[in-house]
Amino acid sequence: MYNDDTLLEKLRETLTYYPHLLAKAEMLWTEKQMLVQFIRQLILDTRDNTRKGFPESTLHELMKIHNHYAKDQLFIHRDYE
Protein backbone atom coordinates (compact mmCIF):
# COMPACT_ATOMS: atom_id res chain seq x y z
CA MET A 1 0.00 0.00 0.00
CA TYR A 2 1.00 3.65 -0.15
CA ASN A 3 2.43 5.78 2.63
CA ASP A 4 2.88 9.55 2.88
CA ASP A 5 6.51 9.48 1.74
CA THR A 6 5.76 7.32 -1.30
CA LEU A 7 2.80 9.47 -2.29
CA LEU A 8 4.74 12.71 -1.84
CA GLU A 9 7.47 11.40 -4.14
CA LYS A 10 4.82 10.30 -6.66
CA LEU A 11 3.25 13.77 -6.48
CA ARG A 12 6.62 15.38 -7.14
CA GLU A 13 7.20 13.14 -10.16
CA THR A 14 3.68 13.74 -11.44
CA LEU A 15 3.83 17.53 -11.21
CA THR A 16 7.43 17.96 -12.39
CA TYR A 17 6.27 19.89 -15.46
CA TYR A 18 3.87 22.02 -13.42
CA PRO A 19 6.13 23.72 -10.83
CA HIS A 20 3.50 26.24 -9.71
CA LEU A 21 1.05 23.41 -8.98
CA LEU A 22 3.74 21.34 -7.25
CA ALA A 23 4.67 24.28 -5.00
CA LYS A 24 1.06 24.68 -3.89
CA ALA A 25 0.57 20.93 -3.41
CA GLU A 26 3.72 20.71 -1.28
CA MET A 27 2.53 23.66 0.79
CA LEU A 28 -0.77 21.83 1.43
CA TRP A 29 0.81 18.40 1.99
CA THR A 30 0.37 18.41 5.76
CA GLU A 31 -3.25 19.56 5.47
CA LYS A 32 -4.75 16.54 3.72
CA GLN A 33 -8.29 17.94 3.53
CA MET A 34 -7.03 21.04 1.77
CA LEU A 35 -4.77 18.93 -0.47
CA VAL A 36 -7.74 16.81 -1.52
CA GLN A 37 -9.75 19.93 -2.34
CA PHE A 38 -6.84 21.35 -4.34
CA ILE A 39 -6.39 18.15 -6.36
CA ARG A 40 -10.15 17.92 -6.89
CA GLN A 41 -10.09 21.43 -8.37
CA LEU A 42 -7.30 20.35 -10.71
CA ILE A 43 -8.95 17.18 -11.98
CA LEU A 44 -12.49 18.51 -12.32
CA ASP A 45 -13.42 21.07 -14.93
CA THR A 46 -14.42 24.11 -12.93
CA ARG A 47 -13.59 26.68 -15.61
CA ASP A 48 -16.17 26.01 -18.33
CA ASN A 49 -13.81 24.01 -20.56
CA THR A 50 -11.09 26.67 -20.59
CA ARG A 51 -8.43 24.37 -19.13
CA LYS A 52 -6.07 22.50 -21.39
CA GLY A 53 -6.15 19.44 -19.15
CA PHE A 54 -3.47 16.97 -18.12
CA PRO A 55 -1.92 14.04 -19.94
CA GLU A 56 -3.71 10.82 -19.04
CA SER A 57 -0.81 9.52 -16.94
CA THR A 58 -0.72 12.74 -14.88
CA LEU A 59 -4.47 12.66 -14.36
CA HIS A 60 -4.29 9.01 -13.29
CA GLU A 61 -1.61 9.73 -10.66
CA LEU A 62 -3.44 12.79 -9.34
CA MET A 63 -6.62 10.76 -9.01
CA LYS A 64 -4.74 8.01 -7.19
CA ILE A 65 -3.36 10.48 -4.65
CA HIS A 66 -6.73 12.23 -4.34
CA ASN A 67 -8.60 8.98 -3.77
CA HIS A 68 -6.09 7.74 -1.21
CA TYR A 69 -6.64 10.76 1.03
CA ALA A 70 -10.29 11.45 0.15
CA LYS A 71 -11.37 8.08 1.49
CA ASP A 72 -10.52 9.32 4.99
CA GLN A 73 -12.91 12.23 4.52
CA LEU A 74 -15.97 10.28 3.46
CA PHE A 75 -19.01 10.46 5.64
CA ILE A 76 -21.09 7.33 5.63
CA HIS A 77 -24.66 7.79 6.79
CA ARG A 78 -25.93 4.96 8.92
CA ASP A 79 -29.54 4.49 9.90
CA TYR A 80 -29.76 3.78 13.58
CA GLU A 81 -32.66 1.92 15.05
C-alpha atoms as a PDB file:
ATOM      1  CA  MET A   1       0.000   0.000   0.000  1.00  0.00           C
ATOM      2  CA  TYR A   2       1.002   3.650  -0.151  1.00  0.00           C
ATOM      3  CA  ASN A   3       2.426   5.777   2.625  1.00  0.00           C
ATOM      4  CA  ASP A   4       2.883   9.551   2.875  1.00  0.00           C
ATOM      5  CA  ASP A   5       6.515   9.479   1.740  1.00  0.00           C
ATOM      6  CA  THR A   6       5.761   7.323  -1.300  1.00  0.00           C
ATOM      7  CA  LEU A   7       2.799   9.475  -2.291  1.00  0.00           C
ATOM      8  CA  LEU A   8       4.738  12.712  -1.838  1.00  0.00           C
ATOM      9  CA  GLU A   9       7.468  11.396  -4.136  1.00  0.00           C
ATOM     10  CA  LYS A  10       4.821  10.302  -6.656  1.00  0.00           C
ATOM     11  CA  LEU A  11       3.246  13.765  -6.477  1.00  0.00           C
ATOM     12  CA  ARG A  12       6.615  15.382  -7.143  1.00  0.00           C
ATOM     13  CA  GLU A  13       7.205  13.138 -10.156  1.00  0.00           C
ATOM     14  CA  THR A  14       3.684  13.745 -11.439  1.00  0.00           C
ATOM     15  CA  LEU A  15       3.825  17.530 -11.213  1.00  0.00           C
ATOM     16  CA  THR A  16       7.427  17.959 -12.392  1.00  0.00           C
ATOM     17  CA  TYR A  17       6.269  19.893 -15.465  1.00  0.00           C
ATOM     18  CA  TYR A  18       3.868  22.017 -13.417  1.00  0.00           C
ATOM     19  CA  PRO A  19       6.135  23.722 -10.834  1.00  0.00           C
ATOM     20  CA  HIS A  20       3.499  26.239  -9.713  1.00  0.00           C
ATOM     21  CA  LEU A  21       1.054  23.406  -8.975  1.00  0.00           C
ATOM     22  CA  LEU A  22       3.739  21.344  -7.253  1.00  0.00           C
ATOM     23  CA  ALA A  23       4.666  24.284  -5.003  1.00  0.00           C
ATOM     24  CA  LYS A  24       1.058  24.682  -3.894  1.00  0.00           C
ATOM     25  CA  ALA A  25       0.570  20.925  -3.405  1.00  0.00           C
ATOM     26  CA  GLU A  26       3.724  20.709  -1.276  1.00  0.00           C
ATOM     27  CA  MET A  27       2.531  23.659   0.786  1.00  0.00           C
ATOM     28  CA  LEU A  28      -0.769  21.832   1.432  1.00  0.00           C
ATOM     29  CA  TRP A  29       0.805  18.396   1.991  1.00  0.00           C
ATOM     30  CA  THR A  30       0.373  18.406   5.765  1.00  0.00           C
ATOM     31  CA  GLU A  31      -3.250  19.562   5.471  1.00  0.00           C
ATOM     32  CA  LYS A  32      -4.752  16.543   3.723  1.00  0.00           C
ATOM     33  CA  GLN A  33      -8.289  17.940   3.534  1.00  0.00           C
ATOM     34  CA  MET A  34      -7.029  21.038   1.766  1.00  0.00           C
ATOM     35  CA  LEU A  35      -4.768  18.928  -0.466  1.00  0.00           C
ATOM     36  CA  VAL A  36      -7.742  16.805  -1.516  1.00  0.00           C
ATOM     37  CA  GLN A  37      -9.749  19.933  -2.337  1.00  0.00           C
ATOM     38  CA  PHE A  38      -6.843  21.351  -4.343  1.00  0.00           C
ATOM     39  CA  ILE A  39      -6.387  18.149  -6.358  1.00  0.00           C
ATOM     40  CA  ARG A  40     -10.147  17.924  -6.893  1.00  0.00           C
ATOM     41  CA  GLN A  41     -10.091  21.426  -8.373  1.00  0.00           C
ATOM     42  CA  LEU A  42      -7.298  20.350 -10.712  1.00  0.00           C
ATOM     43  CA  ILE A  43      -8.952  17.183 -11.981  1.00  0.00           C
ATOM     44  CA  LEU A  44     -12.494  18.509 -12.322  1.00  0.00           C
ATOM     45  CA  ASP A  45     -13.415  21.073 -14.930  1.00  0.00           C
ATOM     46  CA  THR A  46     -14.421  24.111 -12.926  1.00  0.00           C
ATOM     47  CA  ARG A  47     -13.586  26.683 -15.612  1.00  0.00           C
ATOM     48  CA  ASP A  48     -16.169  26.014 -18.327  1.00  0.00           C
ATOM     49  CA  ASN A  49     -13.811  24.008 -20.561  1.00  0.00           C
ATOM     50  CA  THR A  50     -11.088  26.666 -20.588  1.00  0.00           C
ATOM     51  CA  ARG A  51      -8.434  24.366 -19.126  1.00  0.00           C
ATOM     52  CA  LYS A  52      -6.075  22.500 -21.392  1.00  0.00           C
ATOM     53  CA  GLY A  53      -6.146  19.437 -19.147  1.00  0.00           C
ATOM     54  CA  PHE A  54      -3.474  16.967 -18.115  1.00  0.00           C
ATOM     55  CA  PRO A  55      -1.919  14.041 -19.944  1.00  0.00           C
ATOM     56  CA  GLU A  56      -3.712  10.819 -19.043  1.00  0.00           C
ATOM     57  CA  SER A  57      -0.811   9.515 -16.935  1.00  0.00           C
ATOM     58  CA  THR A  58      -0.715  12.739 -14.879  1.00  0.00           C
ATOM     59  CA  LEU A  59      -4.470  12.663 -14.364  1.00  0.00           C
ATOM     60  CA  HIS A  60      -4.287   9.013 -13.292  1.00  0.00           C
ATOM     61  CA  GLU A  61      -1.614   9.732 -10.662  1.00  0.00           C
ATOM     62  CA  LEU A  62      -3.443  12.795  -9.343  1.00  0.00           C
ATOM     63  CA  MET A  63      -6.620  10.756  -9.012  1.00  0.00           C
ATOM     64  CA  LYS A  64      -4.744   8.005  -7.190  1.00  0.00           C
ATOM     65  CA  ILE A  65      -3.362  10.483  -4.645  1.00  0.00           C
ATOM     66  CA  HIS A  66      -6.730  12.228  -4.342  1.00  0.00           C
ATOM     67  CA  ASN A  67      -8.598   8.980  -3.766  1.00  0.00           C
ATOM     68  CA  HIS A  68      -6.088   7.739  -1.206  1.00  0.00           C
ATOM     69  CA  TYR A  69      -6.639  10.756   1.032  1.00  0.00           C
ATOM     70  CA  ALA A  70     -10.286  11.451   0.146  1.00  0.00           C
ATOM     71  CA  LYS A  71     -11.366   8.078   1.493  1.00  0.00           C
ATOM     72  CA  ASP A  72     -10.522   9.317   4.987  1.00  0.00           C
ATOM     73  CA  GLN A  73     -12.912  12.227   4.517  1.00  0.00           C
ATOM     74  CA  LEU A  74     -15.974  10.276   3.461  1.00  0.00           C
ATOM     75  CA  PHE A  75     -19.012  10.460   5.645  1.00  0.00           C
ATOM     76  CA  ILE A  76     -21.093   7.333   5.631  1.00  0.00           C
ATOM     77  CA  HIS A  77     -24.656   7.787   6.790  1.00  0.00           C
ATOM     78  CA  ARG A  78     -25.928   4.958   8.917  1.00  0.00           C
ATOM     79  CA  ASP A  79     -29.539   4.493   9.904  1.00  0.00           C
ATOM     80  CA  TYR A  80     -29.758   3.782  13.584  1.00  0.00           C
ATOM     81  CA  GLU A  81     -32.656   1.916  15.054  1.00  0.00           C
END
